[in-house]
C-alpha atoms as a PDB file:
ATOM      1  CA  MET A   1     -69.663  32.027 -15.067  1.00  0.00           C
ATOM      2  CA  PHE A   2     -71.135  29.497 -12.644  1.00  0.00           C
ATOM      3  CA  LEU A   3     -68.422  26.935 -13.385  1.00  0.00           C
ATOM      4  CA  ALA A   4     -65.695  29.492 -12.771  1.00  0.00           C
ATOM      5  CA  LEU A   5     -67.316  30.494  -9.490  1.00  0.00           C
ATOM      6  CA  ALA A   6     -67.709  26.853  -8.439  1.00  0.00           C
ATOM      7  CA  ALA A   7     -64.002  26.271  -9.039  1.00  0.00           C
ATOM      8  CA  LEU A   8     -63.146  29.357  -6.987  1.00  0.00           C
ATOM      9  CA  LEU A   9     -65.314  28.152  -4.101  1.00  0.00           C
ATOM     10  CA  LEU A  10     -63.073  25.115  -3.770  1.00  0.00           C
ATOM     11  CA  ARG A  11     -59.942  27.227  -3.667  1.00  0.00           C
ATOM     12  CA  PHE A  12     -61.083  30.060  -1.369  1.00  0.00           C
ATOM     13  CA  ARG A  13     -62.788  28.831   1.776  1.00  0.00           C
ATOM     14  CA  TYR A  14     -64.414  32.143   2.779  1.00  0.00           C
ATOM     15  CA  LEU A  15     -65.772  33.007  -0.663  1.00  0.00           C
ATOM     16  CA  LYS A  16     -69.112  31.341   0.089  1.00  0.00           C
ATOM     17  CA  VAL A  17     -69.597  33.595   3.127  1.00  0.00           C
ATOM     18  CA  SER A  18     -68.626  36.614   1.035  1.00  0.00           C
ATOM     19  CA  LEU A  19     -71.168  35.708  -1.636  1.00  0.00           C
ATOM     20  CA  ALA A  20     -73.867  35.373   1.013  1.00  0.00           C
ATOM     21  CA  LEU A  21     -73.017  38.861   2.283  1.00  0.00           C
ATOM     22  CA  VAL A  22     -73.113  40.217  -1.269  1.00  0.00           C
ATOM     23  CA  LEU A  23     -76.587  38.755  -1.760  1.00  0.00           C
ATOM     24  CA  ALA A  24     -77.705  40.292   1.528  1.00  0.00           C
ATOM     25  CA  VAL A  25     -76.349  43.729   0.559  1.00  0.00           C
ATOM     26  CA  VAL A  26     -78.027  43.583  -2.840  1.00  0.00           C
ATOM     27  CA  GLY A  27     -81.305  42.465  -1.258  1.00  0.00           C
ATOM     28  CA  VAL A  28     -81.238  45.292   1.279  1.00  0.00           C
ATOM     29  CA  LYS A  29     -80.425  47.740  -1.500  1.00  0.00           C
ATOM     30  CA  MET A  30     -83.400  46.521  -3.510  1.00  0.00           C
ATOM     31  CA  LEU A  31     -85.741  46.810  -0.524  1.00  0.00           C
ATOM     32  CA  ALA A  32     -84.447  50.220   0.582  1.00  0.00           C
ATOM     33  CA  ALA A  33     -83.728  51.784  -2.817  1.00  0.00           C
ATOM     34  CA  GLN A  34     -86.191  54.626  -2.356  1.00  0.00           C
ATOM     35  CA  TRP A  35     -84.503  55.652   0.910  1.00  0.00           C
ATOM     36  CA  LEU A  36     -80.921  55.046  -0.176  1.00  0.00           C
ATOM     37  CA  ARG A  37     -81.057  57.142  -3.334  1.00  0.00           C
ATOM     38  CA  PRO A  38     -81.612  60.457  -1.476  1.00  0.00           C
ATOM     39  CA  LEU A  39     -78.900  59.559   1.040  1.00  0.00           C
ATOM     40  CA  LEU A  40     -76.266  58.403  -1.447  1.00  0.00           C
ATOM     41  CA  GLY A  41     -77.284  60.573  -4.378  1.00  0.00           C
ATOM     42  CA  GLY A  42     -77.028  59.590  -8.012  1.00  0.00           C
ATOM     43  CA  ARG A  43     -74.028  57.377  -7.334  1.00  0.00           C
ATOM     44  CA  ALA A  44     -75.856  54.815  -5.195  1.00  0.00           C
ATOM     45  CA  THR A  45     -75.056  52.069  -7.703  1.00  0.00           C
ATOM     46  CA  LEU A  46     -71.377  52.999  -7.642  1.00  0.00           C
ATOM     47  CA  TRP A  47     -71.333  52.754  -3.846  1.00  0.00           C
ATOM     48  CA  LEU A  48     -73.026  49.354  -4.020  1.00  0.00           C
ATOM     49  CA  LEU A  49     -70.492  48.132  -6.564  1.00  0.00           C
ATOM     50  CA  GLY A  50     -67.677  49.299  -4.298  1.00  0.00           C
ATOM     51  CA  ALA A  51     -69.225  47.472  -1.344  1.00  0.00           C
ATOM     52  CA  VAL A  52     -69.575  44.271  -3.390  1.00  0.00           C
ATOM     53  CA  LEU A  53     -65.961  44.436  -4.540  1.00  0.00           C
ATOM     54  CA  LEU A  54     -64.757  45.119  -0.994  1.00  0.00           C
ATOM     55  CA  ILE A  55     -66.723  42.154   0.393  1.00  0.00           C
ATOM     56  CA  LEU A  56     -65.418  39.773  -2.281  1.00  0.00           C
ATOM     57  CA  ALA A  57     -61.832  40.993  -1.917  1.00  0.00           C
ATOM     58  CA  SER A  58     -62.058  40.584   1.860  1.00  0.00           C
ATOM     59  CA  GLY A  59     -63.262  37.005   1.469  1.00  0.00           C
ATOM     60  CA  VAL A  60     -60.431  36.127  -0.894  1.00  0.00           C
ATOM     61  CA  PHE A  61     -57.869  37.875   1.337  1.00  0.00           C
ATOM     62  CA  ALA A  62     -59.140  36.067   4.454  1.00  0.00           C
ATOM     63  CA  SER A  63     -58.976  32.757   2.585  1.00  0.00           C
ATOM     64  CA  VAL A  64     -55.379  33.373   1.520  1.00  0.00           C
ATOM     65  CA  LEU A  65     -54.381  34.311   5.065  1.00  0.00           C
ATOM     66  CA  ALA A  66     -56.106  31.231   6.494  1.00  0.00           C
ATOM     67  CA  GLU A  67     -54.365  28.992   3.964  1.00  0.00           C
ATOM     68  CA  ARG A  68     -50.972  30.476   4.849  1.00  0.00           C
ATOM     69  CA  ALA A  69     -51.636  30.005   8.556  1.00  0.00           C
ATOM     70  CA  ASN A  70     -52.687  26.416   7.882  1.00  0.00           C
ATOM     71  CA  ARG A  71     -49.485  25.739   5.928  1.00  0.00           C
ATOM     72  CA  THR A  72     -47.243  27.131   8.687  1.00  0.00           C
ATOM     73  CA  GLU A  73     -48.967  24.977  11.327  1.00  0.00           C
ATOM     74  CA  ASN A  74     -48.284  21.771   9.377  1.00  0.00           C
END
């Protein structure tokens, strides 16, 4: 899994930032789990998974847009 992720980091320039945000979200969730569970209910893990997927997809999408903009400038 690490090798696949390392190869993706070379291709998508904003994936490293997205992974840092994912780690921050997971860390906050771990620290605030006792307060988040009553707020989000039994589906707190599902909400976290959705947030992780949204962050990663945003990083890939921003990388693709930046690459296209870079190609049109040159």
